[in-house]
Amino acid sequence: MYAHERSLVNRMKGRPFALVGVNNDTKARAVQAIRNNKLSWPSFWDGEGLGPICRAWQINAFPTLYLIDHRGIIRQGWQGSPGAQTLDALIQKYVKDAEAAGGK
């Protein structure tokens, strides 16, 4: 999944798009994953298990994905990946909507 996320970050550079990660492995494993997989986006360590971020966002499984539009409204959410094609199409739609509304 990291390869797809890296490609999204590269393709959406300069557009109204942000990727944020949450990790609940041990802190050492979280740091290792960031380094080994060359993650360039923010990735928060939420403590081991279900920490405050997971509880607030009702994350009970990894990956859990949320698409949030430029107004802060959750438009889609999945436990598990919906697949690259579905995800890319929806991201493209919401990014175009943000750009049309004057987002950068």
N, C-alpha and C. Protein backbone atom coordinates (compact mmCIF):
# COMPACT_ATOMS: atom_id res chain seq x y z
N MET A 1 0.81 -1.19 0.00
CA MET A 1 0.00 0.00 0.00
C MET A 1 0.86 1.26 0.00
N TYR A 2 2.06 1.20 0.60
CA TYR A 2 2.90 2.39 0.65
C TYR A 2 3.29 2.90 -0.73
N ALA A 3 3.52 2.00 -1.68
CA ALA A 3 3.88 2.43 -3.04
C ALA A 3 2.76 3.28 -3.63
N HIS A 4 1.53 2.86 -3.45
CA HIS A 4 0.40 3.62 -3.97
C HIS A 4 0.29 4.96 -3.27
N GLU A 5 0.47 4.98 -1.97
CA GLU A 5 0.40 6.23 -1.22
C GLU A 5 1.51 7.19 -1.68
N ARG A 6 2.73 6.66 -1.87
CA ARG A 6 3.82 7.51 -2.36
C ARG A 6 3.47 8.11 -3.72
N SER A 7 2.88 7.30 -4.62
CA SER A 7 2.53 7.80 -5.95
C SER A 7 1.44 8.87 -5.85
N LEU A 8 0.48 8.70 -4.95
CA LEU A 8 -0.56 9.72 -4.75
C LEU A 8 0.06 11.04 -4.30
N VAL A 9 0.94 10.98 -3.32
CA VAL A 9 1.58 12.19 -2.81
C VAL A 9 2.34 12.89 -3.94
N ASN A 10 3.06 12.13 -4.75
CA ASN A 10 3.81 12.72 -5.87
C ASN A 10 2.89 13.31 -6.92
N ARG A 11 1.84 12.59 -7.30
CA ARG A 11 0.92 13.07 -8.34
C ARG A 11 0.13 14.29 -7.90
N MET A 12 -0.18 14.37 -6.62
CA MET A 12 -1.02 15.45 -6.11
C MET A 12 -0.22 16.64 -5.57
N LYS A 13 1.09 16.59 -5.72
CA LYS A 13 1.93 17.68 -5.23
C LYS A 13 1.48 19.01 -5.83
N GLY A 14 1.30 20.01 -4.97
CA GLY A 14 0.87 21.32 -5.41
C GLY A 14 -0.63 21.47 -5.57
N ARG A 15 -1.36 20.40 -5.31
CA ARG A 15 -2.82 20.44 -5.43
C ARG A 15 -3.42 20.34 -4.02
N PRO A 16 -4.71 20.65 -3.86
CA PRO A 16 -5.32 20.60 -2.53
C PRO A 16 -5.56 19.16 -2.07
N PHE A 17 -4.48 18.53 -1.63
CA PHE A 17 -4.51 17.13 -1.21
C PHE A 17 -3.52 16.95 -0.07
N ALA A 18 -3.91 16.21 0.92
CA ALA A 18 -3.01 15.85 2.02
C ALA A 18 -3.26 14.42 2.42
N LEU A 19 -2.20 13.72 2.72
CA LEU A 19 -2.27 12.35 3.23
C LEU A 19 -1.72 12.38 4.64
N VAL A 20 -2.44 11.78 5.57
CA VAL A 20 -2.02 11.72 6.96
C VAL A 20 -2.15 10.28 7.42
N GLY A 21 -1.14 9.78 8.09
CA GLY A 21 -1.16 8.42 8.59
C GLY A 21 -1.26 8.37 10.11
N VAL A 22 -1.76 7.26 10.60
CA VAL A 22 -1.80 6.99 12.03
C VAL A 22 -1.27 5.58 12.22
N ASN A 23 -0.35 5.42 13.17
CA ASN A 23 0.29 4.13 13.40
C ASN A 23 0.12 3.75 14.86
N ASN A 24 -0.18 2.48 15.11
CA ASN A 24 -0.32 2.03 16.50
C ASN A 24 0.57 0.85 16.84
N ASP A 25 1.62 0.66 16.03
CA ASP A 25 2.64 -0.33 16.38
C ASP A 25 3.45 0.21 17.55
N THR A 26 4.48 -0.52 17.96
CA THR A 26 5.39 0.06 18.93
C THR A 26 6.02 1.29 18.29
N LYS A 27 6.49 2.20 19.11
CA LYS A 27 7.09 3.42 18.55
C LYS A 27 8.28 3.09 17.67
N ALA A 28 9.09 2.14 18.08
CA ALA A 28 10.26 1.75 17.28
C ALA A 28 9.83 1.21 15.91
N ARG A 29 8.81 0.39 15.88
CA ARG A 29 8.32 -0.15 14.58
C ARG A 29 7.70 0.94 13.72
N ALA A 30 7.03 1.89 14.34
CA ALA A 30 6.44 3.00 13.59
C ALA A 30 7.54 3.83 12.92
N VAL A 31 8.57 4.17 13.69
CA VAL A 31 9.70 4.94 13.14
C VAL A 31 10.39 4.14 12.04
N GLN A 32 10.58 2.86 12.26
CA GLN A 32 11.21 1.99 11.25
C GLN A 32 10.38 1.95 9.97
N ALA A 33 9.07 1.86 10.09
CA ALA A 33 8.19 1.83 8.90
C ALA A 33 8.30 3.12 8.11
N ILE A 34 8.36 4.25 8.81
CA ILE A 34 8.48 5.54 8.14
C ILE A 34 9.80 5.59 7.37
N ARG A 35 10.88 5.18 8.01
CA ARG A 35 12.20 5.21 7.36
C ARG A 35 12.30 4.20 6.22
N ASN A 36 11.95 2.95 6.50
CA ASN A 36 12.12 1.88 5.50
C ASN A 36 11.24 2.07 4.28
N ASN A 37 10.07 2.65 4.48
CA ASN A 37 9.13 2.81 3.37
C ASN A 37 9.13 4.21 2.77
N LYS A 38 10.06 5.05 3.27
CA LYS A 38 10.25 6.41 2.74
C LYS A 38 8.94 7.20 2.71
N LEU A 39 8.26 7.21 3.86
CA LEU A 39 7.00 7.95 3.97
C LEU A 39 7.31 9.43 4.10
N SER A 40 6.76 10.24 3.20
CA SER A 40 7.04 11.67 3.19
C SER A 40 5.87 12.48 3.74
N TRP A 41 4.84 11.83 4.18
CA TRP A 41 3.67 12.52 4.71
C TRP A 41 3.64 12.36 6.22
N PRO A 42 2.88 13.23 6.90
CA PRO A 42 2.80 13.10 8.37
C PRO A 42 2.21 11.75 8.76
N SER A 43 2.82 11.12 9.73
CA SER A 43 2.32 9.85 10.25
C SER A 43 2.43 9.92 11.77
N PHE A 44 1.28 9.93 12.42
CA PHE A 44 1.24 10.09 13.86
C PHE A 44 1.29 8.74 14.56
N TRP A 45 2.06 8.68 15.63
CA TRP A 45 2.09 7.48 16.47
C TRP A 45 1.02 7.68 17.53
N ASP A 46 0.09 6.73 17.61
CA ASP A 46 -1.06 6.83 18.49
C ASP A 46 -0.91 5.95 19.72
N GLY A 47 0.31 5.57 20.03
CA GLY A 47 0.52 4.64 21.14
C GLY A 47 0.22 3.23 20.67
N GLU A 48 0.57 2.27 21.46
CA GLU A 48 0.30 0.88 21.09
C GLU A 48 -1.16 0.57 21.40
N GLY A 49 -1.81 -0.11 20.48
CA GLY A 49 -3.23 -0.41 20.65
C GLY A 49 -4.07 0.74 20.16
N LEU A 50 -5.26 0.86 20.68
CA LEU A 50 -6.18 1.91 20.23
C LEU A 50 -6.01 3.14 21.11
N GLY A 51 -5.23 4.09 20.61
CA GLY A 51 -4.97 5.32 21.33
C GLY A 51 -6.05 6.36 21.09
N PRO A 52 -5.80 7.58 21.50
CA PRO A 52 -6.82 8.62 21.41
C PRO A 52 -7.24 8.96 19.97
N ILE A 53 -6.30 8.91 19.03
CA ILE A 53 -6.68 9.19 17.64
C ILE A 53 -7.60 8.09 17.12
N CYS A 54 -7.21 6.84 17.34
CA CYS A 54 -8.05 5.72 16.88
C CYS A 54 -9.43 5.76 17.51
N ARG A 55 -9.50 6.07 18.79
CA ARG A 55 -10.81 6.12 19.45
C ARG A 55 -11.65 7.27 18.89
N ALA A 56 -11.05 8.44 18.70
CA ALA A 56 -11.80 9.60 18.21
C ALA A 56 -12.32 9.37 16.79
N TRP A 57 -11.53 8.68 15.97
CA TRP A 57 -11.91 8.47 14.57
C TRP A 57 -12.53 7.09 14.33
N GLN A 58 -12.79 6.35 15.40
CA GLN A 58 -13.41 5.02 15.33
C GLN A 58 -12.62 4.09 14.41
N ILE A 59 -11.29 4.09 14.59
CA ILE A 59 -10.42 3.20 13.83
C ILE A 59 -10.26 1.92 14.64
N ASN A 60 -10.81 0.83 14.12
CA ASN A 60 -10.74 -0.47 14.79
C ASN A 60 -9.94 -1.47 13.99
N ALA A 61 -9.53 -1.11 12.78
CA ALA A 61 -8.77 -2.00 11.91
C ALA A 61 -7.84 -1.16 11.04
N PHE A 62 -6.76 -1.79 10.62
CA PHE A 62 -5.81 -1.10 9.74
C PHE A 62 -5.71 -1.85 8.43
N PRO A 63 -5.76 -1.19 7.28
CA PRO A 63 -5.94 0.25 7.20
C PRO A 63 -7.41 0.64 7.31
N THR A 64 -7.63 1.81 7.87
CA THR A 64 -8.92 2.48 7.80
C THR A 64 -8.65 3.76 7.03
N LEU A 65 -9.45 4.02 6.04
CA LEU A 65 -9.25 5.19 5.18
C LEU A 65 -10.46 6.11 5.24
N TYR A 66 -10.18 7.40 5.32
CA TYR A 66 -11.22 8.41 5.24
C TYR A 66 -10.84 9.40 4.15
N LEU A 67 -11.79 9.76 3.31
CA LEU A 67 -11.61 10.86 2.37
C LEU A 67 -12.39 12.04 2.92
N ILE A 68 -11.67 13.13 3.15
CA ILE A 68 -12.25 14.33 3.73
C ILE A 68 -12.12 15.44 2.70
N ASP A 69 -13.21 16.11 2.40
CA ASP A 69 -13.16 17.14 1.36
C ASP A 69 -12.55 18.44 1.89
N HIS A 70 -12.45 19.43 1.02
CA HIS A 70 -11.80 20.70 1.35
C HIS A 70 -12.57 21.50 2.40
N ARG A 71 -13.79 21.11 2.69
CA ARG A 71 -14.57 21.77 3.74
C ARG A 71 -14.49 21.02 5.06
N GLY A 72 -13.77 19.91 5.08
CA GLY A 72 -13.64 19.12 6.30
C GLY A 72 -14.73 18.09 6.50
N ILE A 73 -15.48 17.79 5.45
CA ILE A 73 -16.57 16.82 5.54
C ILE A 73 -16.07 15.44 5.10
N ILE A 74 -16.31 14.44 5.93
CA ILE A 74 -15.94 13.07 5.57
C ILE A 74 -16.87 12.62 4.45
N ARG A 75 -16.29 12.31 3.29
CA ARG A 75 -17.08 11.90 2.12
C ARG A 75 -17.13 10.39 1.95
N GLN A 76 -16.09 9.71 2.35
CA GLN A 76 -16.03 8.25 2.22
C GLN A 76 -15.19 7.71 3.37
N GLY A 77 -15.46 6.48 3.74
CA GLY A 77 -14.65 5.81 4.74
C GLY A 77 -14.68 4.30 4.52
N TRP A 78 -13.55 3.66 4.76
CA TRP A 78 -13.45 2.21 4.58
C TRP A 78 -12.58 1.60 5.66
N GLN A 79 -12.93 0.41 6.09
CA GLN A 79 -12.01 -0.44 6.83
C GLN A 79 -11.45 -1.39 5.79
N GLY A 80 -10.16 -1.29 5.54
CA GLY A 80 -9.54 -2.00 4.44
C GLY A 80 -9.53 -1.08 3.23
N SER A 81 -8.76 -1.44 2.25
CA SER A 81 -8.63 -0.61 1.07
C SER A 81 -9.77 -0.87 0.08
N PRO A 82 -10.32 0.19 -0.52
CA PRO A 82 -11.34 0.00 -1.54
C PRO A 82 -10.73 -0.36 -2.90
N GLY A 83 -9.42 -0.36 -2.98
CA GLY A 83 -8.71 -0.61 -4.23
C GLY A 83 -8.20 0.69 -4.82
N ALA A 84 -7.08 0.61 -5.49
CA ALA A 84 -6.43 1.80 -6.01
C ALA A 84 -7.31 2.57 -7.00
N GLN A 85 -7.99 1.87 -7.89
CA GLN A 85 -8.81 2.56 -8.90
C GLN A 85 -9.93 3.36 -8.26
N THR A 86 -10.63 2.76 -7.33
CA THR A 86 -11.73 3.44 -6.64
C THR A 86 -11.20 4.63 -5.86
N LEU A 87 -10.14 4.42 -5.12
CA LEU A 87 -9.57 5.47 -4.31
C LEU A 87 -9.08 6.63 -5.18
N ASP A 88 -8.34 6.32 -6.24
CA ASP A 88 -7.82 7.37 -7.13
C ASP A 88 -8.94 8.17 -7.77
N ALA A 89 -9.98 7.51 -8.22
CA ALA A 89 -11.09 8.20 -8.88
C ALA A 89 -11.78 9.17 -7.91
N LEU A 90 -12.00 8.72 -6.69
CA LEU A 90 -12.66 9.58 -5.71
C LEU A 90 -11.76 10.73 -5.28
N ILE A 91 -10.49 10.45 -5.08
CA ILE A 91 -9.56 11.53 -4.73
C ILE A 91 -9.53 12.57 -5.84
N GLN A 92 -9.44 12.11 -7.07
CA GLN A 92 -9.42 13.03 -8.20
C GLN A 92 -10.68 13.91 -8.21
N LYS A 93 -11.82 13.30 -7.94
CA LYS A 93 -13.08 14.06 -7.92
C LYS A 93 -13.05 15.14 -6.84
N TYR A 94 -12.65 14.77 -5.62
CA TYR A 94 -12.66 15.73 -4.52
C TYR A 94 -11.60 16.80 -4.69
N VAL A 95 -10.47 16.46 -5.27
CA VAL A 95 -9.44 17.46 -5.54
C VAL A 95 -9.93 18.45 -6.59
N LYS A 96 -10.57 17.95 -7.64
CA LYS A 96 -11.13 18.85 -8.66
C LYS A 96 -12.20 19.76 -8.04
N ASP A 97 -13.03 19.21 -7.18
CA ASP A 97 -14.04 20.03 -6.49
C ASP A 97 -13.38 21.14 -5.67
N ALA A 98 -12.31 20.80 -4.97
CA ALA A 98 -11.59 21.79 -4.15
C ALA A 98 -10.96 22.86 -5.03
N GLU A 99 -10.39 22.45 -6.14
CA GLU A 99 -9.78 23.42 -7.05
C GLU A 99 -10.83 24.35 -7.65
N ALA A 100 -11.98 23.80 -7.99
CA ALA A 100 -13.07 24.61 -8.55
C ALA A 100 -13.57 25.63 -7.52
N ALA A 101 -13.46 25.27 -6.24
CA ALA A 101 -13.91 26.16 -5.17
C ALA A 101 -12.81 27.17 -4.78
N GLY A 102 -11.69 27.11 -5.48
CA GLY A 102 -10.62 28.08 -5.21
C GLY A 102 -9.50 27.55 -4.36
N GLY A 103 -9.48 26.23 -4.08
CA GLY A 103 -8.39 25.65 -3.29
C GLY A 103 -7.13 25.51 -4.11
N LYS A 104 -6.01 25.45 -3.44
CA LYS A 104 -4.72 25.29 -4.14
C LYS A 104 -4.13 23.94 -3.85
